[in-house]
Amino acid sequence: MTPGSQDKIRPLWRHYFLNIQGIIFVVDSNDRVRVDEARDELMRMLDEDDLRGAILLVFANKQDVPYAMNTAEITEKLGLHSLRQRLWYIQPTCAISGDGLHEGLEWLDSSLKRQ
């Protein structure tokens, strides 16, 4: 899906936000050009009233690609430290091999059980 097509369906997203306890946000660690767009989209989504209490798991995908941003850089670029009222975690992942996916989902599961 192209970024332009997101604008057409974005208003429909809020119909899926009711009773959401956890959010999984996947970011392309190799896409330095669109990381600001990803941050803006994430912050716009987190501002939704129905998502205020939701836990956030960020999958920093494509960690297998040379020169991909590491989790510290993605944390900074996404502004995750500014989320002081929200529980969040960033997990390095490689979707092709599955590396990091289980660990991220385990964190989300245990965090949801503690709420």
PDB file of N, CA and C in Angstrom:
ATOM      1  N   MET A   1       0.849  -1.161   0.000  1.00  0.00           N
ATOM      2  CA  MET A   1       0.000   0.000   0.000  1.00  0.00           C
ATOM      3  C   MET A   1       0.899   1.230   0.000  1.00  0.00           C
ATOM      4  N   THR A   2       0.589   2.179  -0.794  1.00  0.00           N
ATOM      5  CA  THR A   2       1.394   3.391  -0.883  1.00  0.00           C
ATOM      6  C   THR A   2       0.939   4.402   0.159  1.00  0.00           C
ATOM      7  N   PRO A   3       1.843   5.308   0.573  1.00  0.00           N
ATOM      8  CA  PRO A   3       1.455   6.289   1.592  1.00  0.00           C
ATOM      9  C   PRO A   3       0.224   7.097   1.209  1.00  0.00           C
ATOM     10  N   GLY A   4       0.069   7.444  -0.056  1.00  0.00           N
ATOM     11  CA  GLY A   4      -1.094   8.213  -0.490  1.00  0.00           C
ATOM     12  C   GLY A   4      -2.403   7.480  -0.284  1.00  0.00           C
ATOM     13  N   SER A   5      -2.386   6.173  -0.486  1.00  0.00           N
ATOM     14  CA  SER A   5      -3.613   5.401  -0.319  1.00  0.00           C
ATOM     15  C   SER A   5      -4.002   5.278   1.155  1.00  0.00           C
ATOM     16  N   GLN A   6      -3.042   5.447   2.061  1.00  0.00           N
ATOM     17  CA  GLN A   6      -3.342   5.422   3.487  1.00  0.00           C
ATOM     18  C   GLN A   6      -4.313   6.535   3.860  1.00  0.00           C
ATOM     19  N   ASP A   7      -4.180   7.690   3.208  1.00  0.00           N
ATOM     20  CA  ASP A   7      -5.033   8.831   3.518  1.00  0.00           C
ATOM     21  C   ASP A   7      -6.507   8.512   3.292  1.00  0.00           C
ATOM     22  N   LYS A   8      -6.800   7.670   2.321  1.00  0.00           N
ATOM     23  CA  LYS A   8      -8.186   7.335   2.005  1.00  0.00           C
ATOM     24  C   LYS A   8      -8.807   6.408   3.050  1.00  0.00           C
ATOM     25  N   ILE A   9      -7.993   5.512   3.619  1.00  0.00           N
ATOM     26  CA  ILE A   9      -8.558   4.551   4.572  1.00  0.00           C
ATOM     27  C   ILE A   9      -8.315   4.927   6.026  1.00  0.00           C
ATOM     28  N   ARG A  10      -7.460   5.900   6.284  1.00  0.00           N
ATOM     29  CA  ARG A  10      -7.142   6.290   7.658  1.00  0.00           C
ATOM     30  C   ARG A  10      -8.380   6.605   8.488  1.00  0.00           C
ATOM     31  N   PRO A  11      -9.375   7.323   7.970  1.00  0.00           N
ATOM     32  CA  PRO A  11     -10.562   7.604   8.783  1.00  0.00           C
ATOM     33  C   PRO A  11     -11.296   6.336   9.228  1.00  0.00           C
ATOM     34  N   LEU A  12     -11.125   5.250   8.526  1.00  0.00           N
ATOM     35  CA  LEU A  12     -11.791   3.998   8.892  1.00  0.00           C
ATOM     36  C   LEU A  12     -11.095   3.268  10.026  1.00  0.00           C
ATOM     37  N   TRP A  13      -9.827   3.568  10.258  1.00  0.00           N
ATOM     38  CA  TRP A  13      -9.050   2.872  11.290  1.00  0.00           C
ATOM     39  C   TRP A  13      -9.710   2.948  12.654  1.00  0.00           C
ATOM     40  N   ARG A  14     -10.279   4.110  12.995  1.00  0.00           N
ATOM     41  CA  ARG A  14     -10.798   4.272  14.350  1.00  0.00           C
ATOM     42  C   ARG A  14     -11.929   3.292  14.666  1.00  0.00           C
ATOM     43  N   HIS A  15     -12.527   2.701  13.654  1.00  0.00           N
ATOM     44  CA  HIS A  15     -13.564   1.697  13.899  1.00  0.00           C
ATOM     45  C   HIS A  15     -12.983   0.423  14.501  1.00  0.00           C
ATOM     46  N   TYR A  16     -11.681   0.255  14.406  1.00  0.00           N
ATOM     47  CA  TYR A  16     -11.013  -0.936  14.942  1.00  0.00           C
ATOM     48  C   TYR A  16     -10.338  -0.677  16.278  1.00  0.00           C
ATOM     49  N   PHE A  17     -10.403   0.529  16.801  1.00  0.00           N
ATOM     50  CA  PHE A  17      -9.665   0.909  17.997  1.00  0.00           C
ATOM     51  C   PHE A  17     -10.368   0.581  19.303  1.00  0.00           C
ATOM     52  N   LEU A  18     -11.645   0.349  19.292  1.00  0.00           N
ATOM     53  CA  LEU A  18     -12.402   0.118  20.512  1.00  0.00           C
ATOM     54  C   LEU A  18     -11.906  -1.144  21.220  1.00  0.00           C
ATOM     55  N   ASN A  19     -11.644  -1.028  22.509  1.00  0.00           N
ATOM     56  CA  ASN A  19     -11.205  -2.128  23.374  1.00  0.00           C
ATOM     57  C   ASN A  19      -9.825  -2.688  23.027  1.00  0.00           C
ATOM     58  N   ILE A  20      -8.992  -1.906  22.365  1.00  0.00           N
ATOM     59  CA  ILE A  20      -7.630  -2.340  22.050  1.00  0.00           C
ATOM     60  C   ILE A  20      -6.768  -2.194  23.296  1.00  0.00           C
ATOM     61  N   GLN A  21      -6.060  -3.253  23.654  1.00  0.00           N
ATOM     62  CA  GLN A  21      -5.181  -3.218  24.826  1.00  0.00           C
ATOM     63  C   GLN A  21      -3.712  -3.129  24.433  1.00  0.00           C
ATOM     64  N   GLY A  22      -3.379  -3.560  23.232  1.00  0.00           N
ATOM     65  CA  GLY A  22      -1.995  -3.541  22.788  1.00  0.00           C
ATOM     66  C   GLY A  22      -1.895  -3.200  21.317  1.00  0.00           C
ATOM     67  N   ILE A  23      -0.831  -2.486  20.978  1.00  0.00           N
ATOM     68  CA  ILE A  23      -0.572  -2.083  19.600  1.00  0.00           C
ATOM     69  C   ILE A  23       0.772  -2.656  19.192  1.00  0.00           C
ATOM     70  N   ILE A  24       0.834  -3.243  18.014  1.00  0.00           N
ATOM     71  CA  ILE A  24       2.105  -3.654  17.428  1.00  0.00           C
ATOM     72  C   ILE A  24       2.340  -2.754  16.224  1.00  0.00           C
ATOM     73  N   PHE A  25       3.420  -1.989  16.285  1.00  0.00           N
ATOM     74  CA  PHE A  25       3.779  -1.065  15.218  1.00  0.00           C
ATOM     75  C   PHE A  25       5.073  -1.566  14.593  1.00  0.00           C
ATOM     76  N   VAL A  26       5.049  -1.834  13.308  1.00  0.00           N
ATOM     77  CA  VAL A  26       6.220  -2.367  12.611  1.00  0.00           C
ATOM     78  C   VAL A  26       6.865  -1.246  11.809  1.00  0.00           C
ATOM     79  N   VAL A  27       8.160  -1.068  12.029  1.00  0.00           N
ATOM     80  CA  VAL A  27       8.882  -0.032  11.304  1.00  0.00           C
ATOM     81  C   VAL A  27      10.009  -0.685  10.504  1.00  0.00           C
ATOM     82  N   ASP A  28      10.228  -0.188   9.304  1.00  0.00           N
ATOM     83  CA  ASP A  28      11.290  -0.664   8.426  1.00  0.00           C
ATOM     84  C   ASP A  28      12.591   0.004   8.866  1.00  0.00           C
ATOM     85  N   SER A  29      13.460  -0.756   9.507  1.00  0.00           N
ATOM     86  CA  SER A  29      14.709  -0.217  10.047  1.00  0.00           C
ATOM     87  C   SER A  29      15.667   0.250   8.966  1.00  0.00           C
ATOM     88  N   ASN A  30      15.413  -0.115   7.755  1.00  0.00           N
ATOM     89  CA  ASN A  30      16.288   0.258   6.653  1.00  0.00           C
ATOM     90  C   ASN A  30      15.782   1.479   5.880  1.00  0.00           C
ATOM     91  N   ASP A  31      14.610   1.980   6.226  1.00  0.00           N
ATOM     92  CA  ASP A  31      14.009   3.088   5.484  1.00  0.00           C
ATOM     93  C   ASP A  31      14.199   4.406   6.227  1.00  0.00           C
ATOM     94  N   ARG A  32      15.356   5.005   6.045  1.00  0.00           N
ATOM     95  CA  ARG A  32      15.665   6.273   6.701  1.00  0.00           C
ATOM     96  C   ARG A  32      14.858   7.429   6.112  1.00  0.00           C
ATOM     97  N   VAL A  33      14.422   7.289   4.880  1.00  0.00           N
ATOM     98  CA  VAL A  33      13.681   8.351   4.212  1.00  0.00           C
ATOM     99  C   VAL A  33      12.288   8.521   4.821  1.00  0.00           C
ATOM    100  N   ARG A  34      11.637   7.413   5.155  1.00  0.00           N
ATOM    101  CA  ARG A  34      10.245   7.498   5.614  1.00  0.00           C
ATOM    102  C   ARG A  34      10.082   7.310   7.119  1.00  0.00           C
ATOM    103  N   VAL A  35      11.175   7.292   7.875  1.00  0.00           N
ATOM    104  CA  VAL A  35      11.039   7.092   9.315  1.00  0.00           C
ATOM    105  C   VAL A  35      10.302   8.261   9.975  1.00  0.00           C
ATOM    106  N   ASP A  36      10.458   9.468   9.447  1.00  0.00           N
ATOM    107  CA  ASP A  36       9.710  10.605   9.992  1.00  0.00           C
ATOM    108  C   ASP A  36       8.210  10.444   9.730  1.00  0.00           C
ATOM    109  N   GLU A  37       7.891   9.924   8.559  1.00  0.00           N
ATOM    110  CA  GLU A  37       6.486   9.648   8.240  1.00  0.00           C
ATOM    111  C   GLU A  37       5.931   8.572   9.172  1.00  0.00           C
ATOM    112  N   ALA A  38       6.739   7.568   9.467  1.00  0.00           N
ATOM    113  CA  ALA A  38       6.320   6.520  10.401  1.00  0.00           C
ATOM    114  C   ALA A  38       6.069   7.114  11.788  1.00  0.00           C
ATOM    115  N   ARG A  39       6.960   8.013  12.247  1.00  0.00           N
ATOM    116  CA  ARG A  39       6.781   8.667  13.545  1.00  0.00           C
ATOM    117  C   ARG A  39       5.480   9.458  13.576  1.00  0.00           C
ATOM    118  N   ASP A  40       5.243  10.238  12.529  1.00  0.00           N
ATOM    119  CA  ASP A  40       4.019  11.045  12.487  1.00  0.00           C
ATOM    120  C   ASP A  40       2.776  10.165  12.528  1.00  0.00           C
ATOM    121  N   GLU A  41       2.807   9.075  11.795  1.00  0.00           N
ATOM    122  CA  GLU A  41       1.662   8.154  11.765  1.00  0.00           C
ATOM    123  C   GLU A  41       1.451   7.507  13.134  1.00  0.00           C
ATOM    124  N   LEU A  42       2.547   7.092  13.766  1.00  0.00           N
ATOM    125  CA  LEU A  42       2.454   6.489  15.091  1.00  0.00           C
ATOM    126  C   LEU A  42       1.870   7.477  16.093  1.00  0.00           C
ATOM    127  N   MET A  43       2.382   8.684  16.111  1.00  0.00           N
ATOM    128  CA  MET A  43       1.902   9.680  17.072  1.00  0.00           C
ATOM    129  C   MET A  43       0.440  10.047  16.817  1.00  0.00           C
ATOM    130  N   ARG A  44       0.056  10.126  15.561  1.00  0.00           N
ATOM    131  CA  ARG A  44      -1.342  10.406  15.216  1.00  0.00           C
ATOM    132  C   ARG A  44      -2.243   9.281  15.750  1.00  0.00           C
ATOM    133  N   MET A  45      -1.801   8.058  15.583  1.00  0.00           N
ATOM    134  CA  MET A  45      -2.581   6.921  16.049  1.00  0.00           C
ATOM    135  C   MET A  45      -2.654   6.907  17.585  1.00  0.00           C
ATOM    136  N   LEU A  46      -1.525   7.172  18.238  1.00  0.00           N
ATOM    137  CA  LEU A  46      -1.507   7.136  19.700  1.00  0.00           C
ATOM    138  C   LEU A  46      -2.320   8.259  20.324  1.00  0.00           C
ATOM    139  N   ASP A  47      -2.624   9.289  19.571  1.00  0.00           N
ATOM    140  CA  ASP A  47      -3.454  10.385  20.066  1.00  0.00           C
ATOM    141  C   ASP A  47      -4.944  10.049  20.074  1.00  0.00           C
ATOM    142  N   GLU A  48      -5.303   8.957  19.460  1.00  0.00           N
ATOM    143  CA  GLU A  48      -6.716   8.546  19.444  1.00  0.00           C
ATOM    144  C   GLU A  48      -7.179   8.219  20.871  1.00  0.00           C
ATOM    145  N   ASP A  49      -8.326   8.737  21.257  1.00  0.00           N
ATOM    146  CA  ASP A  49      -8.842   8.516  22.611  1.00  0.00           C
ATOM    147  C   ASP A  49      -8.954   7.037  22.968  1.00  0.00           C
ATOM    148  N   ASP A  50      -9.410   6.226  22.025  1.00  0.00           N
ATOM    149  CA  ASP A  50      -9.622   4.798  22.304  1.00  0.00           C
ATOM    150  C   ASP A  50      -8.316   4.030  22.488  1.00  0.00           C
ATOM    151  N   LEU A  51      -7.182   4.637  22.150  1.00  0.00           N
ATOM    152  CA  LEU A  51      -5.887   3.957  22.264  1.00  0.00           C
ATOM    153  C   LEU A  51      -5.024   4.509  23.396  1.00  0.00           C
ATOM    154  N   ARG A  52      -5.542   5.423  24.169  1.00  0.00           N
ATOM    155  CA  ARG A  52      -4.735   6.092  25.202  1.00  0.00           C
ATOM    156  C   ARG A  52      -4.111   5.118  26.193  1.00  0.00           C
ATOM    157  N   GLY A  53      -4.782   4.068  26.559  1.00  0.00           N
ATOM    158  CA  GLY A  53      -4.244   3.133  27.548  1.00  0.00           C
ATOM    159  C   GLY A  53      -3.561   1.919  26.956  1.00  0.00           C
ATOM    160  N   ALA A  54      -3.455   1.858  25.659  1.00  0.00           N
ATOM    161  CA  ALA A  54      -2.894   0.663  25.009  1.00  0.00           C
ATOM    162  C   ALA A  54      -1.369   0.612  25.153  1.00  0.00           C
ATOM    163  N   ILE A  55      -0.870  -0.572  25.378  1.00  0.00           N
ATOM    164  CA  ILE A  55       0.571  -0.838  25.429  1.00  0.00           C
ATOM    165  C   ILE A  55       1.096  -0.835  23.995  1.00  0.00           C
ATOM    166  N   LEU A  56       2.344  -0.383  23.822  1.00  0.00           N
ATOM    167  CA  LEU A  56       2.933  -0.288  22.493  1.00  0.00           C
ATOM    168  C   LEU A  56       4.150  -1.188  22.365  1.00  0.00           C
ATOM    169  N   LEU A  57       4.110  -2.072  21.380  1.00  0.00           N
ATOM    170  CA  LEU A  57       5.263  -2.884  20.992  1.00  0.00           C
ATOM    171  C   LEU A  57       5.680  -2.421  19.603  1.00  0.00           C
ATOM    172  N   VAL A  58       6.945  -2.017  19.472  1.00  0.00           N
ATOM    173  CA  VAL A  58       7.477  -1.617  18.173  1.00  0.00           C
ATOM    174  C   VAL A  58       8.412  -2.717  17.694  1.00  0.00           C
ATOM    175  N   PHE A  59       8.111  -3.271  16.548  1.00  0.00           N
ATOM    176  CA  PHE A  59       9.013  -4.218  15.900  1.00  0.00           C
ATOM    177  C   PHE A  59       9.910  -3.425  14.953  1.00  0.00           C
ATOM    178  N   ALA A  60      11.199  -3.384  15.259  1.00  0.00           N
ATOM    179  CA  ALA A  60      12.186  -2.734  14.392  1.00  0.00           C
ATOM    180  C   ALA A  60      12.641  -3.787  13.392  1.00  0.00           C
ATOM    181  N   ASN A  61      11.924  -3.883  12.286  1.00  0.00           N
ATOM    182  CA  ASN A  61      12.125  -4.959  11.319  1.00  0.00           C
ATOM    183  C   ASN A  61      13.320  -4.691  10.403  1.00  0.00           C
ATOM    184  N   LYS A  62      13.737  -5.735   9.732  1.00  0.00           N
ATOM    185  CA  LYS A  62      14.841  -5.725   8.760  1.00  0.00           C
ATOM    186  C   LYS A  62      16.200  -5.472   9.413  1.00  0.00           C
ATOM    187  N   GLN A  63      16.367  -5.998  10.620  1.00  0.00           N
ATOM    188  CA  GLN A  63      17.644  -5.849  11.301  1.00  0.00           C
ATOM    189  C   GLN A  63      18.756  -6.643  10.626  1.00  0.00           C
ATOM    190  N   ASP A  64      18.382  -7.503   9.702  1.00  0.00           N
ATOM    191  CA  ASP A  64      19.369  -8.291   8.968  1.00  0.00           C
ATOM    192  C   ASP A  64      19.994  -7.524   7.810  1.00  0.00           C
ATOM    193  N   VAL A  65      19.450  -6.360   7.482  1.00  0.00           N
ATOM    194  CA  VAL A  65      19.926  -5.584   6.347  1.00  0.00           C
ATOM    195  C   VAL A  65      21.123  -4.733   6.788  1.00  0.00           C
ATOM    196  N   PRO A  66      22.205  -4.759   6.010  1.00  0.00           N
ATOM    197  CA  PRO A  66      23.363  -3.928   6.365  1.00  0.00           C
ATOM    198  C   PRO A  66      22.968  -2.450   6.461  1.00  0.00           C
ATOM    199  N   TYR A  67      23.490  -1.759   7.448  1.00  0.00           N
ATOM    200  CA  TYR A  67      23.271  -0.325   7.672  1.00  0.00           C
ATOM    201  C   TYR A  67      21.861   0.022   8.129  1.00  0.00           C
ATOM    202  N   ALA A  68      21.099  -0.984   8.538  1.00  0.00           N
ATOM    203  CA  ALA A  68      19.776  -0.699   9.103  1.00  0.00           C
ATOM    204  C   ALA A  68      19.953   0.058  10.416  1.00  0.00           C
ATOM    205  N   MET A  69      18.996   0.910  10.738  1.00  0.00           N
ATOM    206  CA  MET A  69      19.038   1.638  12.005  1.00  0.00           C
ATOM    207  C   MET A  69      18.875   0.650  13.152  1.00  0.00           C
ATOM    208  N   ASN A  70      19.644   0.829  14.210  1.00  0.00           N
ATOM    209  CA  ASN A  70      19.488  -0.038  15.377  1.00  0.00           C
ATOM    210  C   ASN A  70      18.323   0.472  16.233  1.00  0.00           C
ATOM    211  N   THR A  71      18.002  -0.243  17.285  1.00  0.00           N
ATOM    212  CA  THR A  71      16.828   0.119  18.085  1.00  0.00           C
ATOM    213  C   THR A  71      16.998   1.462  18.789  1.00  0.00           C
ATOM    214  N   ALA A  72      18.220   1.807  19.178  1.00  0.00           N
ATOM    215  CA  ALA A  72      18.438   3.107  19.824  1.00  0.00           C
ATOM    216  C   ALA A  72      18.130   4.246  18.855  1.00  0.00           C
ATOM    217  N   GLU A  73      18.575   4.104  17.630  1.00  0.00           N
ATOM    218  CA  GLU A  73      18.327   5.145  16.632  1.00  0.00           C
ATOM    219  C   GLU A  73      16.837   5.238  16.295  1.00  0.00           C
ATOM    220  N   ILE A  74      16.180   4.103  16.168  1.00  0.00           N
ATOM    221  CA  ILE A  74      14.748   4.111  15.870  1.00  0.00           C
ATOM    222  C   ILE A  74      13.962   4.693  17.043  1.00  0.00           C
ATOM    223  N   THR A  75      14.372   4.345  18.260  1.00  0.00           N
ATOM    224  CA  THR A  75      13.724   4.903  19.447  1.00  0.00           C
ATOM    225  C   THR A  75      13.780   6.424  19.410  1.00  0.00           C
ATOM    226  N   GLU A  76      14.944   6.958  19.076  1.00  0.00           N
ATOM    227  CA  GLU A  76      15.106   8.405  18.988  1.00  0.00           C
ATOM    228  C   GLU A  76      14.261   8.989  17.856  1.00  0.00           C
ATOM    229  N   LYS A  77      14.344   8.393  16.664  1.00  0.00           N
ATOM    230  CA  LYS A  77      13.639   8.931  15.493  1.00  0.00           C
ATOM    231  C   LYS A  77      12.120   8.874  15.656  1.00  0.00           C
ATOM    232  N   LEU A  78      11.626   7.847  16.349  1.00  0.00           N
ATOM    233  CA  LEU A  78      10.180   7.736  16.573  1.00  0.00           C
ATOM    234  C   LEU A  78       9.712   8.559  17.773  1.00  0.00           C
ATOM    235  N   GLY A  79      10.652   9.058  18.564  1.00  0.00           N
ATOM    236  CA  GLY A  79      10.286   9.850  19.741  1.00  0.00           C
ATOM    237  C   GLY A  79       9.658   9.021  20.843  1.00  0.00           C
ATOM    238  N   LEU A  80      10.103   7.781  20.989  1.00  0.00           N
ATOM    239  CA  LEU A  80       9.476   6.889  21.969  1.00  0.00           C
ATOM    240  C   LEU A  80       9.700   7.336  23.409  1.00  0.00           C
ATOM    241  N   HIS A  81      10.826   7.989  23.694  1.00  0.00           N
ATOM    242  CA  HIS A  81      11.076   8.445  25.062  1.00  0.00           C
ATOM    243  C   HIS A  81      10.087   9.523  25.496  1.00  0.00           C
ATOM    244  N   SER A  82       9.412  10.144  24.558  1.00  0.00           N
ATOM    245  CA  SER A  82       8.411  11.159  24.905  1.00  0.00           C
ATOM    246  C   SER A  82       7.103  10.526  25.379  1.00  0.00           C
ATOM    247  N   LEU A  83       6.982   9.228  25.238  1.00  0.00           N
ATOM    248  CA  LEU A  83       5.751   8.516  25.638  1.00  0.00           C
ATOM    249  C   LEU A  83       5.838   8.144  27.114  1.00  0.00           C
ATOM    250  N   ARG A  84       5.784   9.123  27.970  1.00  0.00           N
ATOM    251  CA  ARG A  84       5.987   8.901  29.402  1.00  0.00           C
ATOM    252  C   ARG A  84       4.783   8.256  30.088  1.00  0.00           C
ATOM    253  N   GLN A  85       3.608   8.407  29.514  1.00  0.00           N
ATOM    254  CA  GLN A  85       2.395   7.860  30.126  1.00  0.00           C
ATOM    255  C   GLN A  85       1.958   6.544  29.494  1.00  0.00           C
ATOM    256  N   ARG A  86       2.858   5.930  28.733  1.00  0.00           N
ATOM    257  CA  ARG A  86       2.504   4.698  28.014  1.00  0.00           C
ATOM    258  C   ARG A  86       3.625   3.684  28.170  1.00  0.00           C
ATOM    259  N   LEU A  87       3.246   2.444  28.434  1.00  0.00           N
ATOM    260  CA  LEU A  87       4.217   1.358  28.476  1.00  0.00           C
ATOM    261  C   LEU A  87       4.562   0.986  27.043  1.00  0.00           C
ATOM    262  N   TRP A  88       5.855   0.977  26.703  1.00  0.00           N
ATOM    263  CA  TRP A  88       6.280   0.646  25.339  1.00  0.00           C
ATOM    264  C   TRP A  88       7.570  -0.159  25.385  1.00  0.00           C
ATOM    265  N   TYR A  89       7.819  -0.851  24.292  1.00  0.00           N
ATOM    266  CA  TYR A  89       9.028  -1.666  24.160  1.00  0.00           C
ATOM    267  C   TYR A  89       9.365  -1.750  22.680  1.00  0.00           C
ATOM    268  N   ILE A  90      10.655  -1.702  22.364  1.00  0.00           N
ATOM    269  CA  ILE A  90      11.091  -1.854  20.976  1.00  0.00           C
ATOM    270  C   ILE A  90      11.909  -3.128  20.873  1.00  0.00           C
ATOM    271  N   GLN A  91      11.562  -3.955  19.888  1.00  0.00           N
ATOM    272  CA  GLN A  91      12.197  -5.258  19.692  1.00  0.00           C
ATOM    273  C   GLN A  91      12.814  -5.321  18.308  1.00  0.00           C
ATOM    274  N   PRO A  92      14.127  -5.570  18.227  1.00  0.00           N
ATOM    275  CA  PRO A  92      14.732  -5.767  16.908  1.00  0.00           C
ATOM    276  C   PRO A  92      14.224  -7.071  16.306  1.00  0.00           C
ATOM    277  N   THR A  93      13.870  -7.037  15.018  1.00  0.00           N
ATOM    278  CA  THR A  93      13.316  -8.221  14.380  1.00  0.00           C
ATOM    279  C   THR A  93      13.819  -8.395  12.953  1.00  0.00           C
ATOM    280  N   CYS A  94      13.650  -9.611  12.473  1.00  0.00           N
ATOM    281  CA  CYS A  94      13.825  -9.938  11.065  1.00  0.00           C
ATOM    282  C   CYS A  94      12.649 -10.842  10.718  1.00  0.00           C
ATOM    283  N   ALA A  95      11.676 -10.304  10.022  1.00  0.00           N
ATOM    284  CA  ALA A  95      10.454 -11.057   9.734  1.00  0.00           C
ATOM    285  C   ALA A  95      10.733 -12.279   8.860  1.00  0.00           C
ATOM    286  N   ILE A  96      11.732 -12.181   8.002  1.00  0.00           N
ATOM    287  CA  ILE A  96      12.036 -13.302   7.104  1.00  0.00           C
ATOM    288  C   ILE A  96      12.477 -14.534   7.899  1.00  0.00           C
ATOM    289  N   SER A  97      13.364 -14.324   8.863  1.00  0.00           N
ATOM    290  CA  SER A  97      13.863 -15.449   9.667  1.00  0.00           C
ATOM    291  C   SER A  97      13.026 -15.684  10.917  1.00  0.00           C
ATOM    292  N   GLY A  98      12.261 -14.684  11.309  1.00  0.00           N
ATOM    293  CA  GLY A  98      11.466 -14.780  12.530  1.00  0.00           C
ATOM    294  C   GLY A  98      12.207 -14.313  13.766  1.00  0.00           C
ATOM    295  N   ASP A  99      13.465 -13.908  13.612  1.00  0.00           N
ATOM    296  CA  ASP A  99      14.251 -13.456  14.760  1.00  0.00           C
ATOM    297  C   ASP A  99      13.570 -12.287  15.451  1.00  0.00           C
ATOM    298  N   GLY A 100      13.412 -12.405  16.763  1.00  0.00           N
ATOM    299  CA  GLY A 100      12.859 -11.334  17.579  1.00  0.00           C
ATOM    300  C   GLY A 100      11.350 -11.302  17.689  1.00  0.00           C
ATOM    301  N   LEU A 101      10.648 -11.980  16.805  1.00  0.00           N
ATOM    302  CA  LEU A 101       9.187 -11.928  16.843  1.00  0.00           C
ATOM    303  C   LEU A 101       8.629 -12.562  18.114  1.00  0.00           C
ATOM    304  N   HIS A 102       9.123 -13.730  18.445  1.00  0.00           N
ATOM    305  CA  HIS A 102       8.644 -14.433  19.640  1.00  0.00           C
ATOM    306  C   HIS A 102       8.917 -13.610  20.900  1.00  0.00           C
ATOM    307  N   GLU A 103      10.126 -13.049  20.981  1.00  0.00           N
ATOM    308  CA  GLU A 103      10.488 -12.263  22.158  1.00  0.00           C
ATOM    309  C   GLU A 103       9.586 -11.039  22.316  1.00  0.00           C
ATOM    310  N   GLY A 104       9.289 -10.378  21.217  1.00  0.00           N
ATOM    311  CA  GLY A 104       8.402  -9.222  21.281  1.00  0.00           C
ATOM    312  C   GLY A 104       7.000  -9.595  21.714  1.00  0.00           C
ATOM    313  N   LEU A 105       6.486 -10.667  21.155  1.00  0.00           N
ATOM    314  CA  LEU A 105       5.139 -11.110  21.519  1.00  0.00           C
ATOM    315  C   LEU A 105       5.084 -11.603  22.958  1.00  0.00           C
ATOM    316  N   GLU A 106       6.166 -12.214  23.437  1.00  0.00           N
ATOM    317  CA  GLU A 106       6.237 -12.622  24.843  1.00  0.00           C
ATOM    318  C   GLU A 106       6.165 -11.400  25.757  1.00  0.00           C
ATOM    319  N   TRP A 107       6.897 -10.330  25.387  1.00  0.00           N
ATOM    320  CA  TRP A 107       6.851  -9.105  26.184  1.00  0.00           C
ATOM    321  C   TRP A 107       5.431  -8.550  26.214  1.00  0.00           C
ATOM    322  N   LEU A 108       4.798  -8.499  25.062  1.00  0.00           N
ATOM    323  CA  LEU A 108       3.433  -7.974  24.996  1.00  0.00           C
ATOM    324  C   LEU A 108       2.486  -8.806  25.831  1.00  0.00           C
ATOM    325  N   ASP A 109       2.583 -10.113  25.717  1.00  0.00           N
ATOM    326  CA  ASP A 109       1.726 -11.011  26.481  1.00  0.00           C
ATOM    327  C   ASP A 109       1.912 -10.825  27.992  1.00  0.00           C
ATOM    328  N   SER A 110       3.144 -10.812  28.433  1.00  0.00           N
ATOM    329  CA  SER A 110       3.380 -10.669  29.886  1.00  0.00           C
ATOM    330  C   SER A 110       2.978  -9.285  30.372  1.00  0.00           C
ATOM    331  N   SER A 111       3.162  -8.271  29.554  1.00  0.00           N
ATOM    332  CA  SER A 111       2.762  -6.921  29.946  1.00  0.00           C
ATOM    333  C   SER A 111       1.245  -6.791  30.061  1.00  0.00           C
ATOM    334  N   LEU A 112       0.530  -7.407  29.135  1.00  0.00           N
ATOM    335  CA  LEU A 112      -0.928  -7.369  29.177  1.00  0.00           C
ATOM    336  C   LEU A 112      -1.460  -8.134  30.395  1.00  0.00           C
ATOM    337  N   LYS A 113      -0.802  -9.224  30.743  1.00  0.00           N
ATOM    338  CA  LYS A 113      -1.239 -10.001  31.914  1.00  0.00           C
ATOM    339  C   LYS A 113      -1.034  -9.232  33.215  1.00  0.00           C
ATOM    340  N   ARG A 114      -0.050  -8.343  33.255  1.00  0.00           N
ATOM    341  CA  ARG A 114       0.213  -7.555  34.473  1.00  0.00           C
ATOM    342  C   ARG A 114      -0.755  -6.398  34.631  1.00  0.00           C
ATOM    343  N   GLN A 115      -1.485  -6.042  33.596  1.00  0.00           N
ATOM    344  CA  GLN A 115      -2.420  -4.906  33.702  1.00  0.00           C
ATOM    345  C   GLN A 115      -3.659  -5.269  34.475  1.00  0.00           C
TER     346      GLN A 115
END
